[in-house]
């Protein structure tokens, strides 16, 4: 029977997500399993690792009626072998485990930083990176065909499933090896504690393992995995929800429920954005350890990264939003035994020696090591990079519109000429970029407008070396869209 009433499968920047039992159902899970299986010509020779956070429907024991059971059962019926673990598992562990267990890919049941009434599925192929657009397009096409015309799942050979102990120690040791590859010695002891808020997600047990391995005292907040995340904000970069640590601590940090994002406040309560944190890391590596050769970031990231790369002759790559776009640069650096750093303004971070998926653990560990080795507070390190490379002021807002106006808005963002934009904004524009929404750059500022893939919202980002200019440019984008397109 056709499932035409269901919302179609749609992979955004990182997987398919939806509201549980509405736009994310067992039918979606089965259909996506069919789509993933279509990627492999010999299913019985294919093995995938499976991970998940503690959202509703994700079950360690994969009981019937859970999304975990539906996913594993569907893949096995399609001939694919699966491995899961006896604990909730963060996304970066699954990415790393693909290589560690020498398997063909990994699947994570998570909606990342979205509220607890959401769930989702991410697929990572053999290189461990988020699936490329070519791969997700095939998954979408096959999955949606299955939703239109569901059929019995059959294969000549039924796949097997095994459950193993979570490889927390092995992954933790790999994290420290990645730090050493950067030229960072691991201190034998740490002089201060670290605070980490794991948001009642999948990360608590890994931080416990890291605490033992590093001989570092870690105050883990909201440790217990809960499907409702304790009714707290799961997005770590909602900084008003991130407590200030005592001044005797290195910092107050947080992960999202599946551990692929990070957020940091110094012990004076100042926000340390992912880009500023990365600038601190690059500055230290260039002066005291192994200089990275490349940095990959997105259109929405702070230009402090471009500035520091220019000063240290580091190749700078700017991509569309989505960590999946960094994989070619990671591959290139790894091939030549060099270091490429990948960073997103939303808290995604990794290096080419680690996983090609974003990891919320690595930047926090590197930062803590740098604080200990330099004997400087995070507040001091932040002040130094802002003095040396400039202080940048960032503004992010949402612009809502009607679904019927989406095509008109997309057309404006994609096709309006530089001259017309200068007239609309009444400013001199240096460059425009339409690879992912519309980004305009002036002498000392930039603004980006890009559409959400799941709802009628445009996100407007702006940045300037002047706080008032950043806010003005953001508001100007709102005004231009409102008046030009008559969106109210």
Protein backbone atom coordinates (compact mmCIF):
# COMPACT_ATOMS: atom_id res chain seq x y z
CA UNK A 1 0.00 0.00 0.00
CA UNK A 2 1.30 3.45 -0.93
CA UNK A 3 2.40 5.89 1.79
CA UNK A 4 1.63 9.04 -0.23
CA UNK A 5 0.42 10.87 2.86
CA UNK A 6 3.90 10.72 4.45
CA UNK A 7 6.33 13.59 4.13
CA UNK A 8 9.13 12.62 1.73
CA UNK A 9 12.61 11.73 2.89
CA UNK A 10 14.84 14.80 2.60
CA UNK A 11 18.49 14.95 3.61
CA UNK A 12 19.50 18.48 4.66
CA UNK A 13 23.02 19.56 5.56
CA UNK A 14 23.29 16.54 7.88
CA UNK A 15 20.76 13.77 7.41
CA UNK A 16 16.96 13.41 7.41
CA UNK A 17 15.19 14.83 10.47
CA UNK A 18 11.58 15.14 11.48
CA UNK A 19 9.08 15.24 14.30
CA UNK A 20 8.65 11.80 15.87
CA UNK A 21 5.56 9.95 14.61
CA UNK A 22 4.73 12.78 12.20
CA UNK A 23 7.55 13.58 9.80
CA UNK A 24 9.86 10.92 11.25
CA UNK A 25 8.20 7.49 11.41
CA UNK A 26 9.05 3.79 11.19
CA UNK A 27 8.13 3.97 7.50
CA UNK A 28 10.76 6.69 7.00
CA UNK A 29 13.36 4.58 8.82
CA UNK A 30 12.58 1.54 6.68
CA UNK A 31 12.63 3.59 3.48
CA UNK A 32 15.99 5.16 4.37
CA UNK A 33 17.38 1.69 5.13
CA UNK A 34 16.29 0.64 1.63
CA UNK A 35 17.96 3.76 0.21
CA UNK A 36 21.22 3.08 2.05
CA UNK A 37 21.18 -0.58 1.01
CA UNK A 38 20.92 0.51 -2.63
CA UNK A 39 24.43 1.98 -2.36
CA UNK A 40 25.98 -1.48 -2.06
CA UNK A 41 26.14 -4.03 -4.87
CA UNK A 42 26.97 -6.95 -2.54
CA UNK A 43 24.83 -6.52 0.58
CA UNK A 44 25.91 -9.80 2.20
CA UNK A 45 29.53 -8.55 2.09
CA UNK A 46 28.55 -5.19 3.60
CA UNK A 47 28.74 -4.27 7.29
CA UNK A 48 27.54 -1.02 8.84
CA UNK A 49 28.06 0.28 12.40
CA UNK A 50 24.98 1.73 14.09
CA UNK A 51 24.88 4.39 16.80
CA UNK A 52 22.21 6.54 18.44
CA UNK A 53 21.57 9.09 21.16
CA UNK A 54 18.86 8.60 23.84
CA UNK A 55 15.98 10.18 21.91
CA UNK A 56 12.53 8.62 22.04
CA UNK A 57 12.51 5.42 19.97
CA UNK A 58 16.27 4.81 20.22
CA UNK A 59 16.83 1.66 22.28
CA UNK A 60 20.13 0.05 23.32
CA UNK A 61 18.43 -3.37 23.33
CA UNK A 62 16.75 -2.68 19.93
CA UNK A 63 13.39 -3.93 21.17
CA UNK A 64 10.57 -4.35 18.63
CA UNK A 65 8.73 -1.07 18.22
CA UNK A 66 11.90 1.01 18.54
CA UNK A 67 13.46 2.91 15.65
CA UNK A 68 16.68 1.03 16.43
CA UNK A 69 14.95 -2.32 15.84
CA UNK A 70 13.28 -1.09 12.65
CA UNK A 71 16.59 0.14 11.25
CA UNK A 72 18.64 -2.95 12.12
CA UNK A 73 15.87 -5.40 11.19
CA UNK A 74 15.34 -3.68 7.81
CA UNK A 75 19.05 -3.65 6.98
CA UNK A 76 19.45 -7.32 7.97
CA UNK A 77 16.45 -8.33 5.83
CA UNK A 78 18.18 -6.54 2.94
CA UNK A 79 21.27 -8.67 3.50
CA UNK A 80 23.42 -6.07 5.27
CA UNK A 81 25.33 -7.00 8.42
CA UNK A 82 25.16 -4.59 11.35
CA UNK A 83 27.10 -3.84 14.53
CA UNK A 84 25.68 -1.81 17.40
CA UNK A 85 26.98 -1.06 20.88
CA UNK A 86 25.86 -1.56 24.47
CA UNK A 87 25.61 2.18 25.13
CA UNK A 88 24.41 5.38 23.53
CA UNK A 89 27.13 6.44 21.11
CA UNK A 90 28.13 9.94 19.95
CA UNK A 91 28.32 10.61 16.22
CA UNK A 92 32.13 11.08 16.06
CA UNK A 93 32.68 7.59 17.52
CA UNK A 94 30.62 6.08 14.70
CA UNK A 95 32.64 8.03 12.13
CA UNK A 96 35.90 6.80 13.68
CA UNK A 97 34.56 3.24 14.15
CA UNK A 98 34.03 2.83 10.40
CA UNK A 99 37.81 2.77 9.96
CA UNK A 100 38.55 1.10 13.31
CA UNK A 101 36.31 -1.90 12.57
CA UNK A 102 37.12 -1.78 8.83
CA UNK A 103 33.47 -1.69 7.81
CA UNK A 104 31.63 -0.05 4.92
CA UNK A 105 29.84 2.85 6.61
CA UNK A 106 27.91 4.01 9.64
CA UNK A 107 24.40 5.16 10.53
CA UNK A 108 23.44 7.38 13.44
CA UNK A 109 19.89 7.76 14.76
CA UNK A 110 19.87 11.35 16.02
CA UNK A 111 18.41 14.77 15.31
CA UNK A 112 21.61 16.39 16.60
CA UNK A 113 20.83 19.65 18.44
CA UNK A 114 17.09 19.68 17.61
CA UNK A 115 14.45 19.45 20.38
CA UNK A 116 13.60 16.03 21.88
CA UNK A 117 10.40 15.61 19.86
CA UNK A 118 12.63 15.25 16.76
CA UNK A 119 14.65 12.29 15.56
CA UNK A 120 16.68 11.69 12.45
CA UNK A 121 19.15 9.52 10.52
CA UNK A 122 22.65 10.36 9.33
CA UNK A 123 24.73 8.15 7.02
CA UNK A 124 28.52 8.22 6.76
CA UNK A 125 30.25 6.23 4.00
CA UNK A 126 33.58 4.41 4.21
CA UNK A 127 35.72 7.55 4.66
CA UNK A 128 33.74 8.46 7.80
CA UNK A 129 32.64 11.86 6.47
CA UNK A 130 29.01 12.96 6.28
CA UNK A 131 27.55 11.56 3.07
CA UNK A 132 28.08 13.71 -0.01
CA UNK A 133 25.16 15.19 -1.92
CA UNK A 134 25.51 12.55 -4.65
CA UNK A 135 25.06 9.82 -2.04
CA UNK A 136 22.18 11.48 -0.21
CA UNK A 137 20.37 12.16 -3.49
CA UNK A 138 20.45 8.44 -4.29
CA UNK A 139 19.24 7.57 -0.78
CA UNK A 140 16.41 10.11 -1.09
CA UNK A 141 15.32 8.89 -4.54
CA UNK A 142 15.26 5.21 -3.59
CA UNK A 143 13.68 5.89 -0.19
CA UNK A 144 10.90 8.03 -1.64
CA UNK A 145 10.21 5.47 -4.36
CA UNK A 146 9.84 2.90 -1.59
CA UNK A 147 7.44 5.17 0.32
CA UNK A 148 5.35 5.49 -2.85
CA UNK A 149 5.43 1.75 -3.55
CA UNK A 150 6.43 -0.20 -0.43
CA UNK A 151 7.36 -3.83 -0.91
CA UNK A 152 8.53 -6.73 1.21
CA UNK A 153 12.20 -6.51 2.12
CA UNK A 154 13.98 -9.55 0.74
CA UNK A 155 17.50 -10.74 0.01
CA UNK A 156 19.01 -14.14 -0.78
CA UNK A 157 21.10 -14.02 2.41
CA UNK A 158 19.84 -12.43 5.62
CA UNK A 159 22.37 -10.13 7.26
CA UNK A 160 23.63 -10.72 10.78
CA UNK A 161 23.65 -8.40 13.79
CA UNK A 162 26.08 -8.26 16.70
CA UNK A 163 26.24 -6.00 19.72
CA UNK A 164 29.62 -5.06 21.19
CA UNK A 165 30.98 -3.08 24.10
CA UNK A 166 31.26 0.60 23.28
CA UNK A 167 34.87 1.30 22.21
CA UNK A 168 35.22 4.29 24.53
CA UNK A 169 38.82 3.67 25.57
CA UNK A 170 40.05 3.06 22.02
CA UNK A 171 38.36 6.23 20.77
CA UNK A 172 39.71 8.25 23.71
CA UNK A 173 43.23 7.02 22.96
CA UNK A 174 42.74 8.02 19.33
CA UNK A 175 41.71 11.54 20.43
CA UNK A 176 44.95 11.92 22.39
CA UNK A 177 46.96 10.53 19.46
CA UNK A 178 45.36 13.22 17.26
CA UNK A 179 46.53 15.87 19.72
CA UNK A 180 50.07 14.47 19.67
CA UNK A 181 50.02 14.53 15.85
CA UNK A 182 49.55 18.30 16.13
CA UNK A 183 52.74 18.47 18.16
CA UNK A 184 50.93 18.86 21.48
CA UNK A 185 52.42 16.90 24.37
CA UNK A 186 49.81 15.55 26.78
CA UNK A 187 50.39 16.96 30.29
CA UNK A 188 50.87 14.28 32.95
CA UNK A 189 48.51 16.19 35.22
CA UNK A 190 46.19 19.17 34.90
CA UNK A 191 46.15 21.99 37.44
CA UNK A 192 42.45 22.88 37.09
CA UNK A 193 39.11 21.13 36.54
CA UNK A 194 36.99 21.36 33.39
CA UNK A 195 33.20 21.67 33.27
CA UNK A 196 31.24 19.88 30.52
CA UNK A 197 27.46 19.92 30.04
CA UNK A 198 26.45 16.81 28.08
CA UNK A 199 22.75 17.79 27.91
CA UNK A 200 21.48 14.35 29.04
CA UNK A 201 22.72 12.99 25.72
CA UNK A 202 25.17 10.32 24.61
CA UNK A 203 28.45 11.89 25.76
CA UNK A 204 28.73 11.38 29.51
CA UNK A 205 30.44 7.98 29.53
CA UNK A 206 33.07 9.13 27.00
CA UNK A 207 33.94 12.18 29.11
CA UNK A 208 34.31 9.85 32.10
CA UNK A 209 36.78 7.75 30.10
CA UNK A 210 38.69 10.86 29.01
CA UNK A 211 38.84 12.08 32.59
CA UNK A 212 40.59 8.85 33.64
CA UNK A 213 42.90 8.75 30.63
CA UNK A 214 43.98 12.39 30.97
CA UNK A 215 44.10 12.45 34.76
CA UNK A 216 41.86 15.51 34.41
CA UNK A 217 39.04 16.35 36.81
CA UNK A 218 35.88 16.89 34.75
CA UNK A 219 32.62 18.10 36.26
CA UNK A 220 30.03 16.46 33.99
CA UNK A 221 26.67 18.21 34.16
CA UNK A 222 23.35 16.59 33.14
CA UNK A 223 25.10 13.21 32.85
CA UNK A 224 22.17 10.78 32.78
CA UNK A 225 20.94 9.95 29.25
CA UNK A 226 17.28 10.99 28.93
CA UNK A 227 14.91 10.98 25.99
CA UNK A 228 13.59 14.42 26.94
CA UNK A 229 17.09 15.82 27.67
CA UNK A 230 15.75 16.90 31.05
CA UNK A 231 13.73 19.62 29.29
CA UNK A 232 16.87 21.70 28.81
CA UNK A 233 18.06 23.35 25.59
CA UNK A 234 19.96 20.70 23.56
CA UNK A 235 21.71 23.21 21.28
CA UNK A 236 25.07 23.95 22.93
CA UNK A 237 25.59 27.25 21.08
CA UNK A 238 22.53 28.74 22.79
CA UNK A 239 25.02 30.39 25.09
CA UNK A 240 22.48 31.83 27.51
CA UNK A 241 21.88 28.21 28.59
CA UNK A 242 25.59 27.53 29.22
CA UNK A 243 26.53 28.09 32.85
CA UNK A 244 29.63 30.05 33.79
CA UNK A 245 32.17 27.78 35.49
CA UNK A 246 33.90 28.80 38.72
CA UNK A 247 37.01 30.93 38.16
CA UNK A 248 39.15 28.03 39.34
CA UNK A 249 38.13 26.04 36.21
CA UNK A 250 39.62 26.08 32.72
CA UNK A 251 36.24 26.75 31.13
CA UNK A 252 32.57 25.86 30.93
CA UNK A 253 31.89 23.73 27.85
CA UNK A 254 29.01 21.77 26.30
CA UNK A 255 28.15 19.22 23.64
CA UNK A 256 24.87 18.56 21.88
CA UNK A 257 23.16 15.18 22.55
CA UNK A 258 25.08 13.30 19.82
CA UNK A 259 28.42 14.95 20.58
CA UNK A 260 29.27 16.45 17.21
CA UNK A 261 29.13 20.10 18.35
CA UNK A 262 30.82 22.09 21.07
CA UNK A 263 30.36 25.39 22.88
CA UNK A 264 32.71 27.20 25.26
CA UNK A 265 32.62 30.02 27.79
CA UNK A 266 35.80 31.12 29.56
CA UNK A 267 35.92 31.28 33.35
CA UNK A 268 34.93 34.94 33.26
CA UNK A 269 31.71 34.12 31.41
CA UNK A 270 32.81 35.38 27.98
CA UNK A 271 31.60 33.42 24.95
CA UNK A 272 34.43 31.82 23.00
CA UNK A 273 32.93 31.18 19.58
CA UNK A 274 34.04 28.11 17.60
CA UNK A 275 35.96 30.40 15.22
CA UNK A 276 37.73 32.24 18.06
CA UNK A 277 38.56 28.90 19.68
CA UNK A 278 40.01 27.72 16.35
CA UNK A 279 42.02 30.93 16.05
CA UNK A 280 43.48 30.27 19.53
CA UNK A 281 44.42 26.75 18.45
CA UNK A 282 45.99 27.88 15.16
CA UNK A 283 47.91 30.69 16.85
CA UNK A 284 49.35 28.28 19.43
CA UNK A 285 50.19 25.58 16.88
CA UNK A 286 51.96 28.06 14.59
CA UNK A 287 54.10 29.39 17.43
CA UNK A 288 54.70 26.25 19.52
CA UNK A 289 53.81 23.05 17.65
CA UNK A 290 52.96 21.87 14.11
CA UNK A 291 51.42 24.49 11.82
CA UNK A 292 48.33 23.33 9.91
CA UNK A 293 48.61 23.64 6.14
CA UNK A 294 44.90 24.07 5.37
CA UNK A 295 41.69 25.30 6.95
CA UNK A 296 38.21 24.52 5.64
CA UNK A 297 35.24 26.53 6.83
CA UNK A 298 31.89 27.77 5.53
CA UNK A 299 30.38 30.95 4.15
CA UNK A 300 28.80 31.59 7.56
CA UNK A 301 32.04 31.57 9.56
CA UNK A 302 33.86 34.54 11.09
CA UNK A 303 36.53 36.24 9.02
CA UNK A 304 38.96 36.03 11.93
CA UNK A 305 39.79 32.66 10.35
CA UNK A 306 40.60 34.21 7.00
CA UNK A 307 42.77 36.83 8.73
CA UNK A 308 44.79 34.32 10.75
CA UNK A 309 45.25 32.04 7.73
CA UNK A 310 46.52 34.96 5.64
CA UNK A 311 49.02 35.95 8.33
CA UNK A 312 50.39 32.42 8.71
CA UNK A 313 50.26 31.38 5.02
CA UNK A 314 47.67 28.66 5.64
CA UNK A 315 45.53 27.66 2.67
CA UNK A 316 41.98 28.90 3.34
CA UNK A 317 38.93 27.18 1.83
CA UNK A 318 35.38 28.54 2.11
CA UNK A 319 32.52 26.18 1.24
CA UNK A 320 28.75 25.98 1.31
CA UNK A 321 27.29 25.25 4.76
CA UNK A 322 27.71 21.60 5.75
CA UNK A 323 30.65 19.65 7.16
CA UNK A 324 30.39 17.20 4.24
CA UNK A 325 32.00 19.82 1.99
CA UNK A 326 35.28 19.60 3.95
CA UNK A 327 35.98 15.94 3.08
CA UNK A 328 38.04 16.64 -0.10
CA UNK A 329 40.37 18.94 1.87
CA UNK A 330 40.71 16.39 4.67
CA UNK A 331 41.46 13.67 2.10
CA UNK A 332 44.10 15.83 0.40
CA UNK A 333 45.83 16.74 3.66
CA UNK A 334 45.79 13.15 4.95
CA UNK A 335 47.28 11.89 1.69
CA UNK A 336 50.22 14.27 2.07
CA UNK A 337 50.58 13.70 5.86
CA UNK A 338 49.56 17.30 6.51
CA UNK A 339 47.00 18.85 8.84
CA UNK A 340 43.72 20.36 7.69
CA UNK A 341 41.37 21.87 10.27
CA UNK A 342 37.63 21.95 9.57
CA UNK A 343 35.42 24.37 11.51
CA UNK A 344 31.77 25.51 11.39
CA UNK A 345 30.27 28.47 13.22
CA UNK A 346 27.62 26.10 14.64
CA UNK A 347 30.26 24.21 16.64
CA UNK A 348 31.50 21.51 14.27
CA UNK A 349 35.26 20.86 14.40
CA UNK A 350 37.74 18.19 13.33
CA UNK A 351 41.18 17.67 11.85
CA UNK A 352 42.35 15.43 9.02
CA UNK A 353 44.23 13.11 11.45
CA UNK A 354 41.03 12.46 13.41
CA UNK A 355 37.64 11.80 11.79
CA UNK A 356 36.18 13.48 8.71
CA UNK A 357 33.00 14.06 10.73
CA UNK A 358 32.62 16.89 13.21
CA UNK A 359 33.67 16.07 16.76
CA UNK A 360 32.60 17.96 19.87
CA UNK A 361 35.32 16.41 22.05
CA UNK A 362 38.54 17.21 20.18
CA UNK A 363 38.44 21.04 20.29
CA UNK A 364 37.67 21.06 24.02
CA UNK A 365 40.55 18.68 24.75
CA UNK A 366 43.00 20.64 22.56
CA UNK A 367 41.97 23.91 24.22
CA UNK A 368 42.40 22.46 27.72
CA UNK A 369 45.86 21.15 26.84
CA UNK A 370 46.87 24.56 25.42
CA UNK A 371 45.68 26.32 28.57
CA UNK A 372 47.77 23.96 30.71
CA UNK A 373 50.89 24.07 28.52
CA UNK A 374 50.80 27.86 28.11
CA UNK A 375 49.87 28.47 31.79
CA UNK A 376 47.43 31.08 30.45
CA UNK A 377 43.72 31.38 31.13
CA UNK A 378 41.30 30.99 28.26
CA UNK A 379 40.25 34.62 28.77
CA UNK A 380 43.89 35.70 28.23
CA UNK A 381 44.27 33.52 25.12
CA UNK A 382 41.04 34.97 23.70
CA UNK A 383 42.21 38.53 24.36
CA UNK A 384 45.55 37.84 22.68
CA UNK A 385 44.07 36.50 19.42
CA UNK A 386 41.59 39.38 19.24
CA UNK A 387 44.46 41.83 19.73
CA UNK A 388 46.61 40.12 17.09
CA UNK A 389 43.99 39.26 14.49
CA UNK A 390 41.09 41.64 15.16
CA UNK A 391 37.80 41.59 17.02
CA UNK A 392 34.76 40.61 14.98
CA UNK A 393 31.12 41.16 15.89
CA UNK A 394 28.61 38.57 14.69
CA UNK A 395 24.83 38.83 14.39
CA UNK A 396 22.39 36.04 13.50
CA UNK A 397 18.63 36.43 13.02
CA UNK A 398 15.72 34.60 11.38
CA UNK A 399 13.54 35.93 8.58
CA UNK A 400 10.15 34.23 8.21
CA UNK A 401 8.17 34.11 4.99
CA UNK A 402 5.22 32.27 3.48
CA UNK A 403 5.84 28.97 1.71
CA UNK A 404 4.27 30.47 -1.43
CA UNK A 405 6.98 33.15 -1.47
CA UNK A 406 9.91 30.74 -1.31
CA UNK A 407 10.63 30.58 -5.04
CA UNK A 408 10.52 34.37 -5.37
CA UNK A 409 12.97 34.69 -2.49
CA UNK A 410 15.28 32.00 -3.90
CA UNK A 411 15.28 33.74 -7.26
CA UNK A 412 16.20 37.09 -5.69
CA UNK A 413 19.07 35.58 -3.73
CA UNK A 414 20.38 33.66 -6.74
CA UNK A 415 20.04 36.07 -9.65
CA UNK A 416 20.19 39.67 -8.44
CA UNK A 417 23.24 41.44 -9.86
CA UNK A 418 25.95 43.12 -7.81
CA UNK A 419 24.88 46.53 -9.14
CA UNK A 420 21.24 45.95 -8.16
CA UNK A 421 22.29 44.78 -4.71
CA UNK A 422 24.42 47.90 -4.23
CA UNK A 423 21.39 49.98 -5.07
CA UNK A 424 19.09 47.97 -2.76
CA UNK A 425 21.51 48.09 0.18
CA UNK A 426 22.93 51.55 -0.59
CA UNK A 427 26.50 50.30 0.05
CA UNK A 428 29.61 49.49 -1.96
CA UNK A 429 29.95 45.71 -2.34
CA UNK A 430 33.32 44.05 -2.99
CA UNK A 431 32.07 40.56 -3.88
CA UNK A 432 28.94 38.44 -3.92
CA UNK A 433 28.69 34.66 -3.53
CA UNK A 434 25.56 32.69 -4.45
CA UNK A 435 26.83 29.14 -3.92
CA UNK A 436 24.70 28.74 -0.78
CA UNK A 437 22.17 31.55 -0.47
CA UNK A 438 23.50 35.07 -0.99
CA UNK A 439 26.64 36.41 0.66
CA UNK A 440 27.71 40.02 0.16
CA UNK A 441 31.07 41.37 1.29
CA UNK A 442 32.07 44.98 1.84
CA UNK A 443 35.45 46.38 2.88
CA UNK A 444 35.08 45.40 6.56
CA UNK A 445 31.75 43.52 6.78
CA UNK A 446 29.77 40.68 5.28
CA UNK A 447 26.21 39.34 5.39
CA UNK A 448 24.76 36.00 4.33
CA UNK A 449 21.14 34.98 3.78
CA UNK A 450 20.40 31.27 3.30
CA UNK A 451 17.13 29.35 3.38
CA UNK A 452 16.31 26.56 5.78
CA UNK A 453 15.85 23.22 4.04
CA UNK A 454 12.95 22.17 6.27
CA UNK A 455 10.84 25.24 7.11
CA UNK A 456 9.91 28.67 5.63
CA UNK A 457 12.72 30.53 7.38
CA UNK A 458 15.78 32.33 6.07
CA UNK A 459 18.75 32.74 8.39
CA UNK A 460 20.60 36.01 8.10
CA UNK A 461 24.18 36.19 9.36
CA UNK A 462 26.31 39.31 9.45
CA UNK A 463 29.72 40.26 10.79
CA UNK A 464 31.83 43.36 11.01
CA UNK A 465 34.81 44.75 12.86
CA UNK A 466 32.28 47.29 14.17
CA UNK A 467 29.41 46.07 16.38
CA UNK A 468 26.89 48.66 15.15
CA UNK A 469 27.73 47.88 11.50
CA UNK A 470 27.07 44.17 12.00
CA UNK A 471 23.63 44.87 13.46
CA UNK A 472 22.86 47.50 10.82
CA UNK A 473 23.77 45.21 7.94
CA UNK A 474 21.65 42.40 9.37
CA UNK A 475 18.65 44.69 9.78
CA UNK A 476 19.23 46.09 6.30
CA UNK A 477 18.96 42.59 4.85
CA UNK A 478 15.61 42.20 6.63
CA UNK A 479 14.42 45.56 5.30
CA UNK A 480 15.51 44.82 1.73
CA UNK A 481 13.73 41.46 1.68
CA UNK A 482 10.61 42.93 3.26
CA UNK A 483 10.28 45.90 0.92
CA UNK A 484 11.73 44.43 -2.26
CA UNK A 485 9.75 41.21 -2.09
CA UNK A 486 6.82 42.62 -0.13
CA UNK A 487 7.15 39.87 2.46
CA UNK A 488 5.30 40.76 5.64
